[in-house]
Amino acid sequence: MASPDVTVSCAAGPGTFAFGVHDSHPYRPAPTAPEPGTGLAAVAELTHGPGGTAVVRGDADGPGKSIWTTVPPRSA
């Protein structure tokens, strides 16, 4: 079943950049061991490489989830 709606959010501060994707699909992948070849695997590689984090948070009021990543600023 494909998710009917996807919401993308982002925020930046003096020490980090955060990016989130929310959908209403009940499947919750593990961001620390995503299936190779998936979009989440690419996100995890781009996030963890520079020392960032990725978490999956379930909806409090439904079956969906949000995947949040944070990436530290790049050194000059």
N, C-alpha and C. Protein backbone atom coordinates (compact mmCIF):
# COMPACT_ATOMS: atom_id res chain seq x y z
N MET A 1 0.84 -1.17 0.00
CA MET A 1 0.00 0.00 0.00
C MET A 1 0.89 1.24 0.00
N ALA A 2 0.69 2.11 -0.94
CA ALA A 2 1.45 3.36 -1.00
C ALA A 2 0.83 4.39 -0.07
N SER A 3 1.64 5.27 0.44
CA SER A 3 1.14 6.34 1.30
C SER A 3 0.46 7.39 0.44
N PRO A 4 -0.73 7.81 0.82
CA PRO A 4 -1.43 8.81 0.01
C PRO A 4 -0.86 10.22 0.14
N ASP A 5 -0.30 10.55 1.28
CA ASP A 5 0.23 11.89 1.52
C ASP A 5 1.60 11.81 2.16
N VAL A 6 2.46 12.72 1.75
CA VAL A 6 3.79 12.83 2.35
C VAL A 6 4.00 14.31 2.68
N THR A 7 4.51 14.56 3.88
CA THR A 7 4.82 15.92 4.31
C THR A 7 6.31 16.00 4.58
N VAL A 8 6.95 17.03 4.04
CA VAL A 8 8.38 17.24 4.23
C VAL A 8 8.57 18.51 5.04
N SER A 9 9.41 18.44 6.07
CA SER A 9 9.71 19.60 6.91
C SER A 9 11.22 19.75 7.04
N CYS A 10 11.66 20.98 7.20
CA CYS A 10 13.09 21.19 7.46
C CYS A 10 13.26 22.42 8.36
N ALA A 11 14.36 22.42 9.09
CA ALA A 11 14.68 23.53 9.99
C ALA A 11 16.19 23.61 10.09
N ALA A 12 16.68 24.82 10.28
CA ALA A 12 18.12 25.03 10.43
C ALA A 12 18.37 25.93 11.62
N GLY A 13 19.48 25.67 12.29
CA GLY A 13 19.89 26.48 13.42
C GLY A 13 21.38 26.70 13.36
N PRO A 14 21.94 27.37 14.36
CA PRO A 14 23.37 27.66 14.33
C PRO A 14 24.26 26.43 14.43
N GLY A 15 23.77 25.28 14.75
CA GLY A 15 24.64 24.12 14.86
C GLY A 15 24.14 22.88 14.15
N THR A 16 23.03 22.99 13.42
CA THR A 16 22.48 21.78 12.82
C THR A 16 21.47 22.09 11.73
N PHE A 17 21.20 21.09 10.93
CA PHE A 17 20.13 21.13 9.94
C PHE A 17 19.28 19.89 10.18
N ALA A 18 17.96 20.06 10.28
CA ALA A 18 17.05 18.93 10.50
C ALA A 18 16.09 18.84 9.32
N PHE A 19 15.81 17.60 8.93
CA PHE A 19 14.96 17.32 7.78
C PHE A 19 14.05 16.17 8.16
N GLY A 20 12.75 16.33 7.95
CA GLY A 20 11.80 15.27 8.31
C GLY A 20 10.85 14.95 7.18
N VAL A 21 10.48 13.68 7.10
CA VAL A 21 9.49 13.22 6.13
C VAL A 21 8.45 12.43 6.90
N HIS A 22 7.17 12.77 6.70
CA HIS A 22 6.08 12.08 7.38
C HIS A 22 5.17 11.45 6.34
N ASP A 23 4.71 10.24 6.63
CA ASP A 23 3.67 9.62 5.81
C ASP A 23 2.74 8.82 6.71
N SER A 24 1.62 8.39 6.16
CA SER A 24 0.61 7.69 6.95
C SER A 24 0.69 6.18 6.84
N HIS A 25 1.72 5.66 6.17
CA HIS A 25 1.87 4.21 6.04
C HIS A 25 2.33 3.63 7.37
N PRO A 26 1.80 2.48 7.79
CA PRO A 26 2.16 1.93 9.10
C PRO A 26 3.55 1.29 9.20
N TYR A 27 4.21 0.97 8.08
CA TYR A 27 5.52 0.34 8.14
C TYR A 27 6.54 1.31 8.73
N ARG A 28 7.31 0.84 9.71
CA ARG A 28 8.33 1.66 10.36
C ARG A 28 9.71 1.02 10.17
N PRO A 29 10.49 1.52 9.23
CA PRO A 29 11.81 0.96 8.99
C PRO A 29 12.79 1.32 10.11
N ALA A 30 13.83 0.53 10.21
CA ALA A 30 14.88 0.81 11.18
C ALA A 30 15.95 1.66 10.48
N PRO A 31 16.13 2.93 10.88
CA PRO A 31 17.10 3.77 10.17
C PRO A 31 18.55 3.34 10.35
N THR A 32 18.83 2.51 11.36
CA THR A 32 20.21 2.06 11.57
C THR A 32 20.58 0.88 10.69
N ALA A 33 19.59 0.18 10.13
CA ALA A 33 19.86 -0.97 9.26
C ALA A 33 18.84 -1.02 8.12
N PRO A 34 18.76 0.02 7.29
CA PRO A 34 17.79 0.02 6.21
C PRO A 34 18.15 -0.97 5.12
N GLU A 35 17.13 -1.43 4.39
CA GLU A 35 17.36 -2.35 3.29
C GLU A 35 18.20 -1.67 2.22
N PRO A 36 19.26 -2.34 1.75
CA PRO A 36 20.09 -1.75 0.68
C PRO A 36 19.24 -1.45 -0.55
N GLY A 37 19.55 -0.35 -1.21
CA GLY A 37 18.84 0.03 -2.43
C GLY A 37 17.56 0.81 -2.19
N THR A 38 17.22 1.09 -0.93
CA THR A 38 16.01 1.86 -0.64
C THR A 38 16.35 3.33 -0.44
N GLY A 39 15.33 4.16 -0.49
CA GLY A 39 15.53 5.58 -0.24
C GLY A 39 16.08 5.84 1.15
N LEU A 40 15.59 5.06 2.12
CA LEU A 40 16.07 5.26 3.49
C LEU A 40 17.54 4.88 3.62
N ALA A 41 18.00 3.90 2.85
CA ALA A 41 19.43 3.54 2.88
C ALA A 41 20.27 4.70 2.38
N ALA A 42 19.82 5.38 1.35
CA ALA A 42 20.55 6.55 0.83
C ALA A 42 20.55 7.67 1.86
N VAL A 43 19.40 7.91 2.49
CA VAL A 43 19.30 8.95 3.52
C VAL A 43 20.24 8.62 4.69
N ALA A 44 20.24 7.38 5.13
CA ALA A 44 21.10 6.97 6.25
C ALA A 44 22.57 7.18 5.91
N GLU A 45 22.97 6.82 4.70
CA GLU A 45 24.37 6.98 4.30
C GLU A 45 24.77 8.46 4.28
N LEU A 46 23.91 9.31 3.73
CA LEU A 46 24.19 10.74 3.66
C LEU A 46 24.15 11.40 5.04
N THR A 47 23.35 10.85 5.94
CA THR A 47 23.20 11.42 7.28
C THR A 47 24.32 10.97 8.21
N HIS A 48 24.56 9.67 8.27
CA HIS A 48 25.53 9.13 9.22
C HIS A 48 26.97 9.42 8.81
N GLY A 49 27.23 9.55 7.51
CA GLY A 49 28.58 9.84 7.03
C GLY A 49 29.19 11.07 7.68
N PRO A 50 28.49 12.21 7.69
CA PRO A 50 29.05 13.41 8.31
C PRO A 50 28.78 13.52 9.81
N GLY A 51 28.31 12.45 10.45
CA GLY A 51 28.10 12.48 11.89
C GLY A 51 26.70 12.88 12.32
N GLY A 52 25.73 12.74 11.44
CA GLY A 52 24.35 13.08 11.78
C GLY A 52 23.60 11.91 12.41
N THR A 53 22.32 12.12 12.65
CA THR A 53 21.47 11.09 13.25
C THR A 53 20.19 10.94 12.42
N ALA A 54 19.57 9.78 12.55
CA ALA A 54 18.27 9.53 11.92
C ALA A 54 17.43 8.72 12.90
N VAL A 55 16.18 9.14 13.08
CA VAL A 55 15.26 8.42 13.96
C VAL A 55 13.91 8.29 13.28
N VAL A 56 13.20 7.23 13.64
CA VAL A 56 11.84 7.02 13.16
C VAL A 56 10.93 7.19 14.37
N ARG A 57 9.96 8.08 14.25
CA ARG A 57 9.01 8.33 15.34
C ARG A 57 7.61 8.02 14.84
N GLY A 58 6.92 7.15 15.58
CA GLY A 58 5.55 6.81 15.23
C GLY A 58 4.58 7.92 15.61
N ASP A 59 3.48 8.00 14.88
CA ASP A 59 2.44 8.98 15.20
C ASP A 59 1.76 8.61 16.52
N ALA A 60 1.46 9.60 17.31
CA ALA A 60 0.76 9.36 18.58
C ALA A 60 -0.71 9.03 18.33
N ASP A 61 -1.25 9.49 17.22
CA ASP A 61 -2.69 9.33 16.98
C ASP A 61 -3.03 8.56 15.71
N GLY A 62 -2.11 7.75 15.20
CA GLY A 62 -2.41 6.99 13.99
C GLY A 62 -1.29 6.04 13.63
N PRO A 63 -1.42 5.35 12.48
CA PRO A 63 -0.43 4.34 12.11
C PRO A 63 0.81 4.89 11.40
N GLY A 64 0.85 6.16 11.10
CA GLY A 64 1.95 6.72 10.33
C GLY A 64 3.22 6.93 11.14
N LYS A 65 4.22 7.54 10.48
CA LYS A 65 5.49 7.81 11.15
C LYS A 65 6.19 8.99 10.50
N SER A 66 7.17 9.52 11.21
CA SER A 66 8.05 10.56 10.70
C SER A 66 9.48 10.05 10.80
N ILE A 67 10.25 10.31 9.78
CA ILE A 67 11.67 9.99 9.81
C ILE A 67 12.40 11.32 9.86
N TRP A 68 13.13 11.55 10.96
CA TRP A 68 13.85 12.81 11.19
C TRP A 68 15.34 12.57 11.10
N THR A 69 16.01 13.42 10.37
CA THR A 69 17.47 13.37 10.28
C THR A 69 18.04 14.72 10.72
N THR A 70 19.19 14.69 11.34
CA THR A 70 19.91 15.92 11.66
C THR A 70 21.33 15.77 11.15
N VAL A 71 21.85 16.84 10.63
CA VAL A 71 23.20 16.85 10.08
C VAL A 71 23.94 18.05 10.64
N PRO A 72 25.14 17.84 11.18
CA PRO A 72 25.92 18.98 11.68
C PRO A 72 26.40 19.84 10.51
N PRO A 73 26.76 21.08 10.80
CA PRO A 73 27.26 21.95 9.72
C PRO A 73 28.58 21.42 9.18
N ARG A 74 28.82 21.69 7.95
CA ARG A 74 30.05 21.25 7.30
C ARG A 74 31.20 22.16 7.72
N SER A 75 32.33 21.56 8.02
CA SER A 75 33.52 22.35 8.39
C SER A 75 34.11 23.00 7.14
N ALA A 76 34.62 24.19 7.32
CA ALA A 76 35.22 24.90 6.17
C ALA A 76 36.62 24.43 5.92
